């Protein structure tokens, strides 16, 4: 005879684990994409600032 309470608890635990894992991986991908965008924008700003022939200033970096 199968104990249905243990079976249901095990299924809920595994489903919860998969859902949390999926949410974490989605969040990590979004964070990495945001970091890449920010790095790109910083590099673009630095290129624009350097091409404007102004003195480099640590205030802007």
PDB file of N, CA and C in Angstrom:
ATOM      1  N   UNK A   1       0.846  -1.179   0.000  1.00  0.00           N
ATOM      2  CA  UNK A   1       0.000   0.000   0.000  1.00  0.00           C
ATOM      3  C   UNK A   1       0.891   1.241   0.000  1.00  0.00           C
ATOM      4  N   UNK A   2       0.586   2.132  -0.878  1.00  0.00           N
ATOM      5  CA  UNK A   2       1.376   3.352  -1.045  1.00  0.00           C
ATOM      6  C   UNK A   2       0.828   4.421  -0.117  1.00  0.00           C
ATOM      7  N   UNK A   3       1.749   5.074   0.569  1.00  0.00           N
ATOM      8  CA  UNK A   3       1.352   6.178   1.431  1.00  0.00           C
ATOM      9  C   UNK A   3       1.246   7.431   0.557  1.00  0.00           C
ATOM     10  N   UNK A   4       0.008   7.872   0.284  1.00  0.00           N
ATOM     11  CA  UNK A   4      -0.230   8.967  -0.637  1.00  0.00           C
ATOM     12  C   UNK A   4       0.261  10.307  -0.102  1.00  0.00           C
ATOM     13  N   UNK A   5       0.289  10.482   1.200  1.00  0.00           N
ATOM     14  CA  UNK A   5       0.771  11.744   1.771  1.00  0.00           C
ATOM     15  C   UNK A   5       2.250  11.944   1.458  1.00  0.00           C
ATOM     16  N   UNK A   6       3.032  10.901   1.570  1.00  0.00           N
ATOM     17  CA  UNK A   6       4.464  10.999   1.265  1.00  0.00           C
ATOM     18  C   UNK A   6       4.658  11.239  -0.225  1.00  0.00           C
ATOM     19  N   UNK A   7       3.892  10.550  -1.059  1.00  0.00           N
ATOM     20  CA  UNK A   7       3.999  10.708  -2.505  1.00  0.00           C
ATOM     21  C   UNK A   7       3.645  12.138  -2.934  1.00  0.00           C
ATOM     22  N   UNK A   8       2.573  12.672  -2.408  1.00  0.00           N
ATOM     23  CA  UNK A   8       2.150  14.036  -2.747  1.00  0.00           C
ATOM     24  C   UNK A   8       3.180  15.049  -2.241  1.00  0.00           C
ATOM     25  N   UNK A   9       3.689  14.852  -1.033  1.00  0.00           N
ATOM     26  CA  UNK A   9       4.705  15.756  -0.488  1.00  0.00           C
ATOM     27  C   UNK A   9       5.960  15.753  -1.351  1.00  0.00           C
ATOM     28  N   UNK A  10       6.369  14.586  -1.796  1.00  0.00           N
ATOM     29  CA  UNK A  10       7.553  14.472  -2.638  1.00  0.00           C
ATOM     30  C   UNK A  10       7.344  15.175  -3.972  1.00  0.00           C
ATOM     31  N   UNK A  11       6.192  15.006  -4.562  1.00  0.00           N
ATOM     32  CA  UNK A  11       5.888  15.658  -5.830  1.00  0.00           C
ATOM     33  C   UNK A  11       5.887  17.181  -5.661  1.00  0.00           C
ATOM     34  N   UNK A  12       5.281  17.671  -4.591  1.00  0.00           N
ATOM     35  CA  UNK A  12       5.239  19.114  -4.335  1.00  0.00           C
ATOM     36  C   UNK A  12       6.650  19.661  -4.132  1.00  0.00           C
ATOM     37  N   UNK A  13       7.493  18.931  -3.418  1.00  0.00           N
ATOM     38  CA  UNK A  13       8.867  19.366  -3.186  1.00  0.00           C
ATOM     39  C   UNK A  13       9.627  19.457  -4.501  1.00  0.00           C
ATOM     40  N   UNK A  14       9.525  18.442  -5.352  1.00  0.00           N
ATOM     41  CA  UNK A  14      10.238  18.451  -6.629  1.00  0.00           C
ATOM     42  C   UNK A  14       9.709  19.540  -7.556  1.00  0.00           C
ATOM     43  N   UNK A  15       8.408  19.734  -7.596  1.00  0.00           N
ATOM     44  CA  UNK A  15       7.853  20.807  -8.420  1.00  0.00           C
ATOM     45  C   UNK A  15       8.320  22.175  -7.916  1.00  0.00           C
ATOM     46  N   UNK A  16       8.334  22.351  -6.613  1.00  0.00           N
ATOM     47  CA  UNK A  16       8.823  23.597  -6.032  1.00  0.00           C
ATOM     48  C   UNK A  16      10.278  23.831  -6.371  1.00  0.00           C
ATOM     49  N   UNK A  17      11.079  22.784  -6.312  1.00  0.00           N
ATOM     50  CA  UNK A  17      12.500  22.904  -6.633  1.00  0.00           C
ATOM     51  C   UNK A  17      12.688  23.321  -8.090  1.00  0.00           C
ATOM     52  N   UNK A  18      11.959  22.703  -9.004  1.00  0.00           N
ATOM     53  CA  UNK A  18      12.070  23.051 -10.414  1.00  0.00           C
ATOM     54  C   UNK A  18      11.612  24.483 -10.681  1.00  0.00           C
ATOM     55  N   UNK A  19      10.537  24.905 -10.055  1.00  0.00           N
ATOM     56  CA  UNK A  19      10.030  26.264 -10.259  1.00  0.00           C
ATOM     57  C   UNK A  19      11.024  27.291  -9.727  1.00  0.00           C
ATOM     58  N   UNK A  20      11.563  27.066  -8.538  1.00  0.00           N
ATOM     59  CA  UNK A  20      12.539  27.993  -7.962  1.00  0.00           C
ATOM     60  C   UNK A  20      13.797  28.035  -8.821  1.00  0.00           C
ATOM     61  N   UNK A  21      14.247  26.895  -9.299  1.00  0.00           N
ATOM     62  CA  UNK A  21      15.419  26.838 -10.161  1.00  0.00           C
ATOM     63  C   UNK A  21      15.182  27.627 -11.447  1.00  0.00           C
ATOM     64  N   UNK A  22      14.018  27.470 -12.047  1.00  0.00           N
ATOM     65  CA  UNK A  22      13.673  28.189 -13.276  1.00  0.00           C
ATOM     66  C   UNK A  22      13.621  29.699 -13.025  1.00  0.00           C
ATOM     67  N   UNK A  23      13.012  30.112 -11.920  1.00  0.00           N
ATOM     68  CA  UNK A  23      12.933  31.539 -11.598  1.00  0.00           C
ATOM     69  C   UNK A  23      14.318  32.132 -11.359  1.00  0.00           C
ATOM     70  N   UNK A  24      15.180  31.402 -10.662  1.00  0.00           N
ATOM     71  CA  UNK A  24      16.536  31.892 -10.413  1.00  0.00           C
ATOM     72  C   UNK A  24      17.330  32.024 -11.701  1.00  0.00           C
ATOM     73  N   UNK A  25      17.217  31.053 -12.581  1.00  0.00           N
ATOM     74  CA  UNK A  25      17.968  31.127 -13.837  1.00  0.00           C
ATOM     75  C   UNK A  25      17.451  32.268 -14.713  1.00  0.00           C
ATOM     76  N   UNK A  26      16.148  32.511 -14.706  1.00  0.00           N
ATOM     77  CA  UNK A  26      15.585  33.631 -15.450  1.00  0.00           C
ATOM     78  C   UNK A  26      16.097  34.955 -14.892  1.00  0.00           C
ATOM     79  N   UNK A  27      16.106  35.083 -13.589  1.00  0.00           N
ATOM     80  CA  UNK A  27      16.608  36.298 -12.953  1.00  0.00           C
ATOM     81  C   UNK A  27      18.089  36.498 -13.255  1.00  0.00           C
ATOM     82  N   UNK A  28      18.876  35.431 -13.203  1.00  0.00           N
ATOM     83  CA  UNK A  28      20.301  35.542 -13.493  1.00  0.00           C
ATOM     84  C   UNK A  28      20.552  35.989 -14.934  1.00  0.00           C
ATOM     85  N   UNK A  29      19.771  35.456 -15.873  1.00  0.00           N
ATOM     86  CA  UNK A  29      19.919  35.882 -17.274  1.00  0.00           C
ATOM     87  C   UNK A  29      19.580  37.355 -17.440  1.00  0.00           C
ATOM     88  N   UNK A  30      18.506  37.808 -16.800  1.00  0.00           N
ATOM     89  CA  UNK A  30      18.113  39.217 -16.885  1.00  0.00           C
ATOM     90  C   UNK A  30      19.180  40.120 -16.268  1.00  0.00           C
ATOM     91  N   UNK A  31      19.748  39.714 -15.141  1.00  0.00           N
ATOM     92  CA  UNK A  31      20.805  40.501 -14.500  1.00  0.00           C
ATOM     93  C   UNK A  31      22.042  40.578 -15.388  1.00  0.00           C
ATOM     94  N   UNK A  32      22.423  39.476 -16.004  1.00  0.00           N
ATOM     95  CA  UNK A  32      23.598  39.463 -16.881  1.00  0.00           C
ATOM     96  C   UNK A  32      23.355  40.356 -18.093  1.00  0.00           C
ATOM     97  N   UNK A  33      22.165  40.292 -18.665  1.00  0.00           N
ATOM     98  CA  UNK A  33      21.830  41.143 -19.803  1.00  0.00           C
ATOM     99  C   UNK A  33      21.883  42.618 -19.414  1.00  0.00           C
ATOM    100  N   UNK A  34      21.378  42.950 -18.226  1.00  0.00           N
ATOM    101  CA  UNK A  34      21.426  44.328 -17.745  1.00  0.00           C
ATOM    102  C   UNK A  34      22.874  44.778 -17.556  1.00  0.00           C
ATOM    103  N   UNK A  35      23.726  43.912 -17.006  1.00  0.00           N
ATOM    104  CA  UNK A  35      25.138  44.251 -16.836  1.00  0.00           C
ATOM    105  C   UNK A  35      25.818  44.504 -18.180  1.00  0.00           C
ATOM    106  N   UNK A  36      25.505  43.695 -19.186  1.00  0.00           N
ATOM    107  CA  UNK A  36      26.091  43.870 -20.509  1.00  0.00           C
ATOM    108  C   UNK A  36      25.641  45.204 -21.109  1.00  0.00           C
ATOM    109  N   UNK A  37      24.368  45.537 -20.962  1.00  0.00           N
ATOM    110  CA  UNK A  37      23.860  46.810 -21.483  1.00  0.00           C
ATOM    111  C   UNK A  37      24.531  47.999 -20.796  1.00  0.00           C
ATOM    112  N   UNK A  38      24.680  47.922 -19.487  1.00  0.00           N
ATOM    113  CA  UNK A  38      25.307  49.006 -18.737  1.00  0.00           C
ATOM    114  C   UNK A  38      26.756  49.169 -19.162  1.00  0.00           C
ATOM    115  N   UNK A  39      27.478  48.067 -19.301  1.00  0.00           N
ATOM    116  CA  UNK A  39      28.880  48.130 -19.733  1.00  0.00           C
ATOM    117  C   UNK A  39      28.990  48.743 -21.128  1.00  0.00           C
ATOM    118  N   UNK A  40      28.084  48.384 -22.014  1.00  0.00           N
ATOM    119  CA  UNK A  40      28.071  48.948 -23.359  1.00  0.00           C
ATOM    120  C   UNK A  40      27.837  50.461 -23.309  1.00  0.00           C
ATOM    121  N   UNK A  41      26.872  50.893 -22.502  1.00  0.00           N
ATOM    122  CA  UNK A  41      26.583  52.324 -22.403  1.00  0.00           C
ATOM    123  C   UNK A  41      27.745  53.097 -21.783  1.00  0.00           C
ATOM    124  N   UNK A  42      28.411  52.519 -20.803  1.00  0.00           N
ATOM    125  CA  UNK A  42      29.575  53.166 -20.191  1.00  0.00           C
ATOM    126  C   UNK A  42      30.684  53.329 -21.224  1.00  0.00           C
ATOM    127  N   UNK A  43      30.941  52.275 -21.998  1.00  0.00           N
ATOM    128  CA  UNK A  43      31.984  52.353 -23.025  1.00  0.00           C
ATOM    129  C   UNK A  43      31.616  53.370 -24.099  1.00  0.00           C
ATOM    130  N   UNK A  44      30.350  53.432 -24.473  1.00  0.00           N
ATOM    131  CA  UNK A  44      29.919  54.406 -25.473  1.00  0.00           C
ATOM    132  C   UNK A  44      30.100  55.824 -24.937  1.00  0.00           C
ATOM    133  N   UNK A  45      29.760  56.058 -23.676  1.00  0.00           N
ATOM    134  CA  UNK A  45      29.942  57.382 -23.085  1.00  0.00           C
ATOM    135  C   UNK A  45      31.424  57.754 -23.057  1.00  0.00           C
ATOM    136  N   UNK A  46      32.274  56.814 -22.661  1.00  0.00           N
ATOM    137  CA  UNK A  46      33.711  57.092 -22.617  1.00  0.00           C
ATOM    138  C   UNK A  46      34.249  57.405 -24.008  1.00  0.00           C
ATOM    139  N   UNK A  47      33.800  56.688 -25.017  1.00  0.00           N
ATOM    140  CA  UNK A  47      34.247  56.975 -26.383  1.00  0.00           C
ATOM    141  C   UNK A  47      33.800  58.359 -26.823  1.00  0.00           C
ATOM    142  N   UNK A  48      32.567  58.725 -26.505  1.00  0.00           N
ATOM    143  CA  UNK A  48      32.085  60.066 -26.842  1.00  0.00           C
ATOM    144  C   UNK A  48      32.863  61.140 -26.092  1.00  0.00           C
ATOM    145  N   UNK A  49      33.117  60.907 -24.826  1.00  0.00           N
ATOM    146  CA  UNK A  49      33.847  61.887 -24.028  1.00  0.00           C
ATOM    147  C   UNK A  49      35.271  62.037 -24.537  1.00  0.00           C
ATOM    148  N   UNK A  50      35.908  60.955 -24.896  1.00  0.00           N
ATOM    149  CA  UNK A  50      37.276  61.026 -25.397  1.00  0.00           C
ATOM    150  C   UNK A  50      37.332  61.681 -26.774  1.00  0.00           C
ATOM    151  N   UNK A  51      36.313  61.508 -27.571  1.00  0.00           N
ATOM    152  CA  UNK A  51      36.330  62.096 -28.908  1.00  0.00           C
ATOM    153  C   UNK A  51      35.960  63.573 -28.896  1.00  0.00           C
ATOM    154  N   UNK A  52      35.475  64.084 -27.780  1.00  0.00           N
ATOM    155  CA  UNK A  52      35.107  65.497 -27.703  1.00  0.00           C
ATOM    156  C   UNK A  52      36.303  66.375 -27.360  1.00  0.00           C
ATOM    157  N   UNK A  53      37.471  65.770 -27.221  1.00  0.00           N
ATOM    158  CA  UNK A  53      38.732  66.477 -26.969  1.00  0.00           C
ATOM    159  C   UNK A  53      38.730  67.240 -25.646  1.00  0.00           C
ATOM    160  N   UNK A  54      37.976  66.804 -24.701  1.00  0.00           N
ATOM    161  CA  UNK A  54      38.044  67.450 -23.382  1.00  0.00           C
ATOM    162  C   UNK A  54      39.019  66.673 -22.522  1.00  0.00           C
ATOM    163  N   UNK A  55      39.462  67.293 -21.453  1.00  0.00           N
ATOM    164  CA  UNK A  55      40.392  66.624 -20.544  1.00  0.00           C
ATOM    165  C   UNK A  55      39.664  65.504 -19.822  1.00  0.00           C
ATOM    166  N   UNK A  56      40.319  64.365 -19.689  1.00  0.00           N
ATOM    167  CA  UNK A  56      39.702  63.288 -18.894  1.00  0.00           C
ATOM    168  C   UNK A  56      39.570  63.725 -17.440  1.00  0.00           C
ATOM    169  N   UNK A  57      38.454  63.418 -16.843  1.00  0.00           N
ATOM    170  CA  UNK A  57      38.188  63.811 -15.479  1.00  0.00           C
ATOM    171  C   UNK A  57      37.667  62.596 -14.744  1.00  0.00           C
ATOM    172  N   UNK A  58      38.243  62.294 -13.606  1.00  0.00           N
ATOM    173  CA  UNK A  58      37.819  61.107 -12.852  1.00  0.00           C
ATOM    174  C   UNK A  58      36.397  61.258 -12.327  1.00  0.00           C
ATOM    175  N   UNK A  59      35.880  62.465 -12.331  1.00  0.00           N
ATOM    176  CA  UNK A  59      34.499  62.698 -11.889  1.00  0.00           C
ATOM    177  C   UNK A  59      33.502  61.939 -12.761  1.00  0.00           C
ATOM    178  N   UNK A  60      33.834  61.751 -14.028  1.00  0.00           N
ATOM    179  CA  UNK A  60      32.910  61.128 -14.957  1.00  0.00           C
ATOM    180  C   UNK A  60      33.098  59.622 -15.075  1.00  0.00           C
ATOM    181  N   UNK A  61      34.115  59.070 -14.432  1.00  0.00           N
ATOM    182  CA  UNK A  61      34.380  57.619 -14.572  1.00  0.00           C
ATOM    183  C   UNK A  61      33.988  56.907 -13.359  1.00  0.00           C
TER     184      UNK A  61
END
